[in-house]
Amino acid sequence: MNIYVGNLPYTIGEQELREAFEAYGTVDSVKIIIDRMTNRSKGFGFIEMPDDEEGKAAISELDGKDLGGRALKVNEARPREERRRSYF
C-alpha cells in the first residue's frame, strides 16, 4: 500500500518518519519529497507498506497525530496523474 503523508515538519528525516510507521508494521520504503531549487523538504512524502491491513492501521492511527509540532495528514496515495508538458 502506498501512503501519502502531508504536513510534515521540514526538519524531519526519512529515518524518523520510517520509525513512526514501523510501529504499525513493515515499511518497504520512505520518500520525503525535496524541492530541487532549495534542497529542502516540500513537507510531504510517501511510505510503502507491503501489508494493506498494516497500512490501514497506520493511516487510522497517524492521521492527525502531532509530529514535530505539526498535525500529520495521512491517507492512501492516489495514482499519479499523467502530466502534460507545455512548451512555450
PDB file of N, CA and C in Angstrom:
ATOM      1  N   MET A   1       0.848  -1.175   0.000  1.00  0.00           N
ATOM      2  CA  MET A   1       0.000   0.000   0.000  1.00  0.00           C
ATOM      3  C   MET A   1       0.893   1.236   0.000  1.00  0.00           C
ATOM      4  N   ASN A   2       0.609   2.154  -0.891  1.00  0.00           N
ATOM      5  CA  ASN A   2       1.344   3.410  -0.955  1.00  0.00           C
ATOM      6  C   ASN A   2       0.572   4.454  -0.153  1.00  0.00           C
ATOM      7  N   ILE A   3       1.245   5.106   0.782  1.00  0.00           N
ATOM      8  CA  ILE A   3       0.604   6.033   1.715  1.00  0.00           C
ATOM      9  C   ILE A   3       1.187   7.427   1.543  1.00  0.00           C
ATOM     10  N   TYR A   4       0.296   8.416   1.428  1.00  0.00           N
ATOM     11  CA  TYR A   4       0.685   9.819   1.362  1.00  0.00           C
ATOM     12  C   TYR A   4       0.763  10.367   2.781  1.00  0.00           C
ATOM     13  N   VAL A   5       1.827  11.105   3.081  1.00  0.00           N
ATOM     14  CA  VAL A   5       1.977  11.758   4.381  1.00  0.00           C
ATOM     15  C   VAL A   5       2.241  13.234   4.119  1.00  0.00           C
ATOM     16  N   GLY A   6       1.312  14.088   4.545  1.00  0.00           N
ATOM     17  CA  GLY A   6       1.449  15.519   4.333  1.00  0.00           C
ATOM     18  C   GLY A   6       1.581  16.282   5.636  1.00  0.00           C
ATOM     19  N   ASN A   7       1.902  17.556   5.508  1.00  0.00           N
ATOM     20  CA  ASN A   7       2.083  18.472   6.635  1.00  0.00           C
ATOM     21  C   ASN A   7       3.247  18.034   7.523  1.00  0.00           C
ATOM     22  N   LEU A   8       4.274  17.479   6.884  1.00  0.00           N
ATOM     23  CA  LEU A   8       5.462  17.050   7.627  1.00  0.00           C
ATOM     24  C   LEU A   8       6.265  18.258   8.094  1.00  0.00           C
ATOM     25  N   PRO A   9       6.874  18.159   9.274  1.00  0.00           N
ATOM     26  CA  PRO A   9       7.820  19.204   9.678  1.00  0.00           C
ATOM     27  C   PRO A   9       8.976  19.219   8.671  1.00  0.00           C
ATOM     28  N   TYR A  10       9.462  20.390   8.334  1.00  0.00           N
ATOM     29  CA  TYR A  10      10.514  20.493   7.321  1.00  0.00           C
ATOM     30  C   TYR A  10      11.837  19.911   7.794  1.00  0.00           C
ATOM     31  N   THR A  11      11.968  19.699   9.102  1.00  0.00           N
ATOM     32  CA  THR A  11      13.218  19.193   9.659  1.00  0.00           C
ATOM     33  C   THR A  11      13.238  17.677   9.821  1.00  0.00           C
ATOM     34  N   ILE A  12      12.128  17.000   9.575  1.00  0.00           N
ATOM     35  CA  ILE A  12      12.074  15.552   9.791  1.00  0.00           C
ATOM     36  C   ILE A  12      12.862  14.814   8.712  1.00  0.00           C
ATOM     37  N   GLY A  13      13.534  13.748   9.126  1.00  0.00           N
ATOM     38  CA  GLY A  13      14.287  12.917   8.193  1.00  0.00           C
ATOM     39  C   GLY A  13      13.524  11.644   7.866  1.00  0.00           C
ATOM     40  N   GLU A  14      13.979  10.952   6.828  1.00  0.00           N
ATOM     41  CA  GLU A  14      13.308   9.724   6.406  1.00  0.00           C
ATOM     42  C   GLU A  14      13.362   8.649   7.487  1.00  0.00           C
ATOM     43  N   GLN A  15      14.448   8.573   8.255  1.00  0.00           N
ATOM     44  CA  GLN A  15      14.560   7.556   9.297  1.00  0.00           C
ATOM     45  C   GLN A  15      13.526   7.788  10.397  1.00  0.00           C
ATOM     46  N   GLU A  16      13.348   9.033  10.807  1.00  0.00           N
ATOM     47  CA  GLU A  16      12.359   9.352  11.848  1.00  0.00           C
ATOM     48  C   GLU A  16      10.942   9.035  11.367  1.00  0.00           C
ATOM     49  N   LEU A  17      10.655   9.340  10.116  1.00  0.00           N
ATOM     50  CA  LEU A  17       9.340   9.038   9.553  1.00  0.00           C
ATOM     51  C   LEU A  17       9.138   7.522   9.461  1.00  0.00           C
ATOM     52  N   ARG A  18      10.171   6.803   9.054  1.00  0.00           N
ATOM     53  CA  ARG A  18      10.108   5.340   8.980  1.00  0.00           C
ATOM     54  C   ARG A  18       9.767   4.758  10.352  1.00  0.00           C
ATOM     55  N   GLU A  19      10.423   5.252  11.398  1.00  0.00           N
ATOM     56  CA  GLU A  19      10.196   4.735  12.748  1.00  0.00           C
ATOM     57  C   GLU A  19       8.753   4.946  13.198  1.00  0.00           C
ATOM     58  N   ALA A  20       8.157   6.073  12.834  1.00  0.00           N
ATOM     59  CA  ALA A  20       6.765   6.336  13.207  1.00  0.00           C
ATOM     60  C   ALA A  20       5.831   5.301  12.576  1.00  0.00           C
ATOM     61  N   PHE A  21       6.103   4.907  11.333  1.00  0.00           N
ATOM     62  CA  PHE A  21       5.242   3.949  10.630  1.00  0.00           C
ATOM     63  C   PHE A  21       5.562   2.503  10.987  1.00  0.00           C
ATOM     64  N   GLU A  22       6.806   2.214  11.342  1.00  0.00           N
ATOM     65  CA  GLU A  22       7.177   0.840  11.692  1.00  0.00           C
ATOM     66  C   GLU A  22       6.479   0.355  12.954  1.00  0.00           C
ATOM     67  N   ALA A  23       5.937   1.265  13.745  1.00  0.00           N
ATOM     68  CA  ALA A  23       5.159   0.869  14.923  1.00  0.00           C
ATOM     69  C   ALA A  23       3.903   0.099  14.510  1.00  0.00           C
ATOM     70  N   TYR A  24       3.499   0.216  13.234  1.00  0.00           N
ATOM     71  CA  TYR A  24       2.272  -0.419  12.744  1.00  0.00           C
ATOM     72  C   TYR A  24       2.539  -1.564  11.783  1.00  0.00           C
ATOM     73  N   GLY A  25       3.794  -1.800  11.424  1.00  0.00           N
ATOM     74  CA  GLY A  25       4.101  -2.909  10.537  1.00  0.00           C
ATOM     75  C   GLY A  25       5.365  -2.673   9.725  1.00  0.00           C
ATOM     76  N   THR A  26       5.542  -3.514   8.732  1.00  0.00           N
ATOM     77  CA  THR A  26       6.730  -3.474   7.883  1.00  0.00           C
ATOM     78  C   THR A  26       6.654  -2.303   6.911  1.00  0.00           C
ATOM     79  N   VAL A  27       7.752  -1.566   6.797  1.00  0.00           N
ATOM     80  CA  VAL A  27       7.851  -0.449   5.861  1.00  0.00           C
ATOM     81  C   VAL A  27       8.874  -0.826   4.796  1.00  0.00           C
ATOM     82  N   ASP A  28       8.439  -0.832   3.529  1.00  0.00           N
ATOM     83  CA  ASP A  28       9.353  -1.138   2.426  1.00  0.00           C
ATOM     84  C   ASP A  28      10.205   0.061   2.052  1.00  0.00           C
ATOM     85  N   SER A  29       9.572   1.243   1.978  1.00  0.00           N
ATOM     86  CA  SER A  29      10.324   2.423   1.553  1.00  0.00           C
ATOM     87  C   SER A  29       9.713   3.697   2.122  1.00  0.00           C
ATOM     88  N   VAL A  30      10.568   4.706   2.227  1.00  0.00           N
ATOM     89  CA  VAL A  30      10.173   6.033   2.701  1.00  0.00           C
ATOM     90  C   VAL A  30      10.784   7.038   1.738  1.00  0.00           C
ATOM     91  N   LYS A  31       9.983   7.996   1.287  1.00  0.00           N
ATOM     92  CA  LYS A  31      10.490   9.030   0.380  1.00  0.00           C
ATOM     93  C   LYS A  31       9.892  10.372   0.772  1.00  0.00           C
ATOM     94  N   ILE A  32      10.740  11.276   1.247  1.00  0.00           N
ATOM     95  CA  ILE A  32      10.312  12.652   1.504  1.00  0.00           C
ATOM     96  C   ILE A  32      10.664  13.450   0.250  1.00  0.00           C
ATOM     97  N   ILE A  33       9.701  14.196  -0.253  1.00  0.00           N
ATOM     98  CA  ILE A  33       9.895  14.943  -1.495  1.00  0.00           C
ATOM     99  C   ILE A  33      10.689  16.219  -1.202  1.00  0.00           C
ATOM    100  N   ILE A  34      11.748  16.416  -1.989  1.00  0.00           N
ATOM    101  CA  ILE A  34      12.674  17.533  -1.803  1.00  0.00           C
ATOM    102  C   ILE A  34      12.533  18.527  -2.958  1.00  0.00           C
ATOM    103  N   ASP A  35      12.513  19.812  -2.622  1.00  0.00           N
ATOM    104  CA  ASP A  35      12.488  20.878  -3.624  1.00  0.00           C
ATOM    105  C   ASP A  35      13.878  20.966  -4.264  1.00  0.00           C
ATOM    106  N   ARG A  36      13.943  20.847  -5.576  1.00  0.00           N
ATOM    107  CA  ARG A  36      15.235  20.868  -6.271  1.00  0.00           C
ATOM    108  C   ARG A  36      15.949  22.212  -6.165  1.00  0.00           C
ATOM    109  N   MET A  37      15.199  23.281  -6.087  1.00  0.00           N
ATOM    110  CA  MET A  37      15.811  24.612  -6.043  1.00  0.00           C
ATOM    111  C   MET A  37      16.424  24.916  -4.675  1.00  0.00           C
ATOM    112  N   THR A  38      15.708  24.565  -3.614  1.00  0.00           N
ATOM    113  CA  THR A  38      16.171  24.906  -2.262  1.00  0.00           C
ATOM    114  C   THR A  38      16.833  23.734  -1.545  1.00  0.00           C
ATOM    115  N   ASN A  39      16.666  22.531  -2.086  1.00  0.00           N
ATOM    116  CA  ASN A  39      17.182  21.303  -1.475  1.00  0.00           C
ATOM    117  C   ASN A  39      16.599  21.074  -0.081  1.00  0.00           C
ATOM    118  N   ARG A  40      15.375  21.570   0.129  1.00  0.00           N
ATOM    119  CA  ARG A  40      14.664  21.382   1.398  1.00  0.00           C
ATOM    120  C   ARG A  40      13.408  20.565   1.154  1.00  0.00           C
ATOM    121  N   SER A  41      12.915  19.979   2.229  1.00  0.00           N
ATOM    122  CA  SER A  41      11.680  19.197   2.157  1.00  0.00           C
ATOM    123  C   SER A  41      10.527  20.073   1.684  1.00  0.00           C
ATOM    124  N   LYS A  42       9.636  19.485   0.892  1.00  0.00           N
ATOM    125  CA  LYS A  42       8.413  20.184   0.489  1.00  0.00           C
ATOM    126  C   LYS A  42       7.298  19.967   1.509  1.00  0.00           C
ATOM    127  N   GLY A  43       7.569  19.181   2.554  1.00  0.00           N
ATOM    128  CA  GLY A  43       6.581  18.979   3.612  1.00  0.00           C
ATOM    129  C   GLY A  43       5.637  17.814   3.373  1.00  0.00           C
ATOM    130  N   PHE A  44       5.971  16.941   2.415  1.00  0.00           N
ATOM    131  CA  PHE A  44       5.161  15.742   2.219  1.00  0.00           C
ATOM    132  C   PHE A  44       6.038  14.617   1.691  1.00  0.00           C
ATOM    133  N   GLY A  45       5.500  13.411   1.784  1.00  0.00           N
ATOM    134  CA  GLY A  45       6.256  12.258   1.323  1.00  0.00           C
ATOM    135  C   GLY A  45       5.362  11.047   1.166  1.00  0.00           C
ATOM    136  N   PHE A  46       5.985   9.914   0.911  1.00  0.00           N
ATOM    137  CA  PHE A  46       5.258   8.672   0.667  1.00  0.00           C
ATOM    138  C   PHE A  46       5.917   7.525   1.415  1.00  0.00           C
ATOM    139  N   ILE A  47       5.081   6.636   1.918  1.00  0.00           N
ATOM    140  CA  ILE A  47       5.510   5.430   2.621  1.00  0.00           C
ATOM    141  C   ILE A  47       4.931   4.245   1.860  1.00  0.00           C
ATOM    142  N   GLU A  48       5.733   3.228   1.640  1.00  0.00           N
ATOM    143  CA  GLU A  48       5.249   1.994   1.019  1.00  0.00           C
ATOM    144  C   GLU A  48       5.249   0.901   2.078  1.00  0.00           C
ATOM    145  N   MET A  49       4.046   0.349   2.342  1.00  0.00           N
ATOM    146  CA  MET A  49       3.895  -0.757   3.285  1.00  0.00           C
ATOM    147  C   MET A  49       3.309  -1.940   2.522  1.00  0.00           C
ATOM    148  N   PRO A  50       3.961  -3.123   2.565  1.00  0.00           N
ATOM    149  CA  PRO A  50       3.505  -4.256   1.760  1.00  0.00           C
ATOM    150  C   PRO A  50       2.176  -4.853   2.209  1.00  0.00           C
ATOM    151  N   ASP A  51       1.842  -4.744   3.474  1.00  0.00           N
ATOM    152  CA  ASP A  51       0.608  -5.329   4.000  1.00  0.00           C
ATOM    153  C   ASP A  51      -0.472  -4.253   4.094  1.00  0.00           C
ATOM    154  N   ASP A  52      -1.573  -4.428   3.353  1.00  0.00           N
ATOM    155  CA  ASP A  52      -2.642  -3.424   3.328  1.00  0.00           C
ATOM    156  C   ASP A  52      -3.267  -3.196   4.696  1.00  0.00           C
ATOM    157  N   GLU A  53      -3.428  -4.252   5.487  1.00  0.00           N
ATOM    158  CA  GLU A  53      -4.041  -4.095   6.813  1.00  0.00           C
ATOM    159  C   GLU A  53      -3.155  -3.252   7.721  1.00  0.00           C
ATOM    160  N   GLU A  54      -1.847  -3.485   7.667  1.00  0.00           N
ATOM    161  CA  GLU A  54      -0.913  -2.676   8.456  1.00  0.00           C
ATOM    162  C   GLU A  54      -0.934  -1.232   7.973  1.00  0.00           C
ATOM    163  N   GLY A  55      -1.020  -1.054   6.662  1.00  0.00           N
ATOM    164  CA  GLY A  55      -1.089   0.294   6.097  1.00  0.00           C
ATOM    165  C   GLY A  55      -2.328   1.034   6.556  1.00  0.00           C
ATOM    166  N   LYS A  56      -3.471   0.346   6.550  1.00  0.00           N
ATOM    167  CA  LYS A  56      -4.720   0.972   7.001  1.00  0.00           C
ATOM    168  C   LYS A  56      -4.657   1.318   8.477  1.00  0.00           C
ATOM    169  N   ALA A  57      -4.027   0.458   9.279  1.00  0.00           N
ATOM    170  CA  ALA A  57      -3.874   0.738  10.709  1.00  0.00           C
ATOM    171  C   ALA A  57      -2.999   1.974  10.913  1.00  0.00           C
ATOM    172  N   ALA A  58      -1.920   2.077  10.150  1.00  0.00           N
ATOM    173  CA  ALA A  58      -1.035   3.237  10.253  1.00  0.00           C
ATOM    174  C   ALA A  58      -1.774   4.516   9.865  1.00  0.00           C
ATOM    175  N   ILE A  59      -2.558   4.461   8.792  1.00  0.00           N
ATOM    176  CA  ILE A  59      -3.332   5.627   8.358  1.00  0.00           C
ATOM    177  C   ILE A  59      -4.297   6.046   9.456  1.00  0.00           C
ATOM    178  N   SER A  60      -5.021   5.086   9.985  1.00  0.00           N
ATOM    179  CA  SER A  60      -6.021   5.361  11.016  1.00  0.00           C
ATOM    180  C   SER A  60      -5.397   5.989  12.259  1.00  0.00           C
ATOM    181  N   GLU A  61      -4.252   5.470  12.673  1.00  0.00           N
ATOM    182  CA  GLU A  61      -3.627   5.931  13.914  1.00  0.00           C
ATOM    183  C   GLU A  61      -2.828   7.222  13.752  1.00  0.00           C
ATOM    184  N   LEU A  62      -2.210   7.425  12.595  1.00  0.00           N
ATOM    185  CA  LEU A  62      -1.305   8.562  12.438  1.00  0.00           C
ATOM    186  C   LEU A  62      -1.949   9.796  11.818  1.00  0.00           C
ATOM    187  N   ASP A  63      -3.099   9.650  11.162  1.00  0.00           N
ATOM    188  CA  ASP A  63      -3.764  10.819  10.575  1.00  0.00           C
ATOM    189  C   ASP A  63      -4.176  11.766  11.696  1.00  0.00           C
ATOM    190  N   GLY A  64      -3.683  12.986  11.643  1.00  0.00           N
ATOM    191  CA  GLY A  64      -3.995  13.987  12.658  1.00  0.00           C
ATOM    192  C   GLY A  64      -3.054  13.974  13.849  1.00  0.00           C
ATOM    193  N   LYS A  65      -2.174  12.981  13.919  1.00  0.00           N
ATOM    194  CA  LYS A  65      -1.239  12.884  15.044  1.00  0.00           C
ATOM    195  C   LYS A  65      -0.167  13.959  14.928  1.00  0.00           C
ATOM    196  N   ASP A  66       0.229  14.497  16.063  1.00  0.00           N
ATOM    197  CA  ASP A  66       1.257  15.531  16.112  1.00  0.00           C
ATOM    198  C   ASP A  66       2.640  14.905  15.944  1.00  0.00           C
ATOM    199  N   LEU A  67       3.410  15.436  15.024  1.00  0.00           N
ATOM    200  CA  LEU A  67       4.794  15.023  14.836  1.00  0.00           C
ATOM    201  C   LEU A  67       5.618  16.282  14.620  1.00  0.00           C
ATOM    202  N   GLY A  68       6.504  16.563  15.539  1.00  0.00           N
ATOM    203  CA  GLY A  68       7.342  17.760  15.426  1.00  0.00           C
ATOM    204  C   GLY A  68       6.546  19.047  15.443  1.00  0.00           C
ATOM    205  N   GLY A  69       5.410  19.050  16.150  1.00  0.00           N
ATOM    206  CA  GLY A  69       4.595  20.260  16.255  1.00  0.00           C
ATOM    207  C   GLY A  69       3.610  20.464  15.118  1.00  0.00           C
ATOM    208  N   ARG A  70       3.469  19.484  14.238  1.00  0.00           N
ATOM    209  CA  ARG A  70       2.526  19.602  13.116  1.00  0.00           C
ATOM    210  C   ARG A  70       1.614  18.387  13.086  1.00  0.00           C
ATOM    211  N   ALA A  71       0.340  18.618  12.778  1.00  0.00           N
ATOM    212  CA  ALA A  71      -0.636  17.525  12.675  1.00  0.00           C
ATOM    213  C   ALA A  71      -0.506  16.877  11.300  1.00  0.00           C
ATOM    214  N   LEU A  72      -0.140  15.612  11.279  1.00  0.00           N
ATOM    215  CA  LEU A  72       0.062  14.899  10.014  1.00  0.00           C
ATOM    216  C   LEU A  72      -1.246  14.697   9.259  1.00  0.00           C
ATOM    217  N   LYS A  73      -1.166  14.734   7.948  1.00  0.00           N
ATOM    218  CA  LYS A  73      -2.266  14.355   7.059  1.00  0.00           C
ATOM    219  C   LYS A  73      -1.827  13.043   6.411  1.00  0.00           C
ATOM    220  N   VAL A  74      -2.519  11.962   6.738  1.00  0.00           N
ATOM    221  CA  VAL A  74      -2.109  10.642   6.263  1.00  0.00           C
ATOM    222  C   VAL A  74      -3.290   9.964   5.585  1.00  0.00           C
ATOM    223  N   ASN A  75      -3.104   9.535   4.338  1.00  0.00           N
ATOM    224  CA  ASN A  75      -4.135   8.769   3.644  1.00  0.00           C
ATOM    225  C   ASN A  75      -3.511   7.937   2.532  1.00  0.00           C
ATOM    226  N   GLU A  76      -4.332   7.066   1.953  1.00  0.00           N
ATOM    227  CA  GLU A  76      -3.833   6.231   0.866  1.00  0.00           C
ATOM    228  C   GLU A  76      -3.503   7.126  -0.322  1.00  0.00           C
ATOM    229  N   ALA A  77      -2.325   6.915  -0.886  1.00  0.00           N
ATOM    230  CA  ALA A  77      -1.888   7.738  -2.014  1.00  0.00           C
ATOM    231  C   ALA A  77      -2.730   7.428  -3.240  1.00  0.00           C
ATOM    232  N   ARG A  78      -3.060   8.471  -3.982  1.00  0.00           N
ATOM    233  CA  ARG A  78      -3.767   8.295  -5.254  1.00  0.00           C
ATOM    234  C   ARG A  78      -2.730   8.054  -6.347  1.00  0.00           C
ATOM    235  N   PRO A  79      -3.116   7.349  -7.394  1.00  0.00           N
ATOM    236  CA  PRO A  79      -2.173   7.159  -8.514  1.00  0.00           C
ATOM    237  C   PRO A  79      -1.794   8.509  -9.111  1.00  0.00           C
ATOM    238  N   ARG A  80      -0.567   8.619  -9.513  1.00  0.00           N
ATOM    239  CA  ARG A  80      -0.080   9.864 -10.092  1.00  0.00           C
ATOM    240  C   ARG A  80      -0.742  10.086 -11.446  1.00  0.00           C
ATOM    241  N   GLU A  81      -1.276  11.284 -11.629  1.00  0.00           N
ATOM    242  CA  GLU A  81      -1.896  11.617 -12.913  1.00  0.00           C
ATOM    243  C   GLU A  81      -0.807  11.951 -13.914  1.00  0.00           C
ATOM    244  N   GLU A  82      -1.047  11.542 -15.140  1.00  0.00           N
ATOM    245  CA  GLU A  82      -0.087  11.865 -16.182  1.00  0.00           C
ATOM    246  C   GLU A  82      -0.142  13.362 -16.435  1.00  0.00           C
ATOM    247  N   ARG A  83       1.029  13.977 -16.368  1.00  0.00           N
ATOM    248  CA  ARG A  83       1.082  15.425 -16.571  1.00  0.00           C
ATOM    249  C   ARG A  83       1.437  15.727 -18.017  1.00  0.00           C
ATOM    250  N   ARG A  84       0.735  16.695 -18.568  1.00  0.00           N
ATOM    251  CA  ARG A  84       1.044  17.127 -19.926  1.00  0.00           C
ATOM    252  C   ARG A  84       2.095  18.209 -19.849  1.00  0.00           C
ATOM    253  N   ARG A  85       3.054  18.115 -20.701  1.00  0.00           N
ATOM    254  CA  ARG A  85       4.082  19.152 -20.748  1.00  0.00           C
ATOM    255  C   ARG A  85       3.605  20.267 -21.673  1.00  0.00           C
ATOM    256  N   SER A  86       3.860  21.470 -21.249  1.00  0.00           N
ATOM    257  CA  SER A  86       3.519  22.596 -22.118  1.00  0.00           C
ATOM    258  C   SER A  86       4.820  23.221 -22.608  1.00  0.00           C
ATOM    259  N   TYR A  87       4.853  23.506 -23.859  1.00  0.00           N
ATOM    260  CA  TYR A  87       6.037  24.104 -24.457  1.00  0.00           C
ATOM    261  C   TYR A  87       5.687  25.512 -24.895  1.00  0.00           C
ATOM    262  N   PHE A  88       6.573  26.411 -24.581  1.00  0.00           N
ATOM    263  CA  PHE A  88       6.319  27.819 -24.917  1.00  0.00           C
ATOM    264  C   PHE A  88       7.105  28.231 -26.118  1.00  0.00           C
TER     265      PHE A  88
END
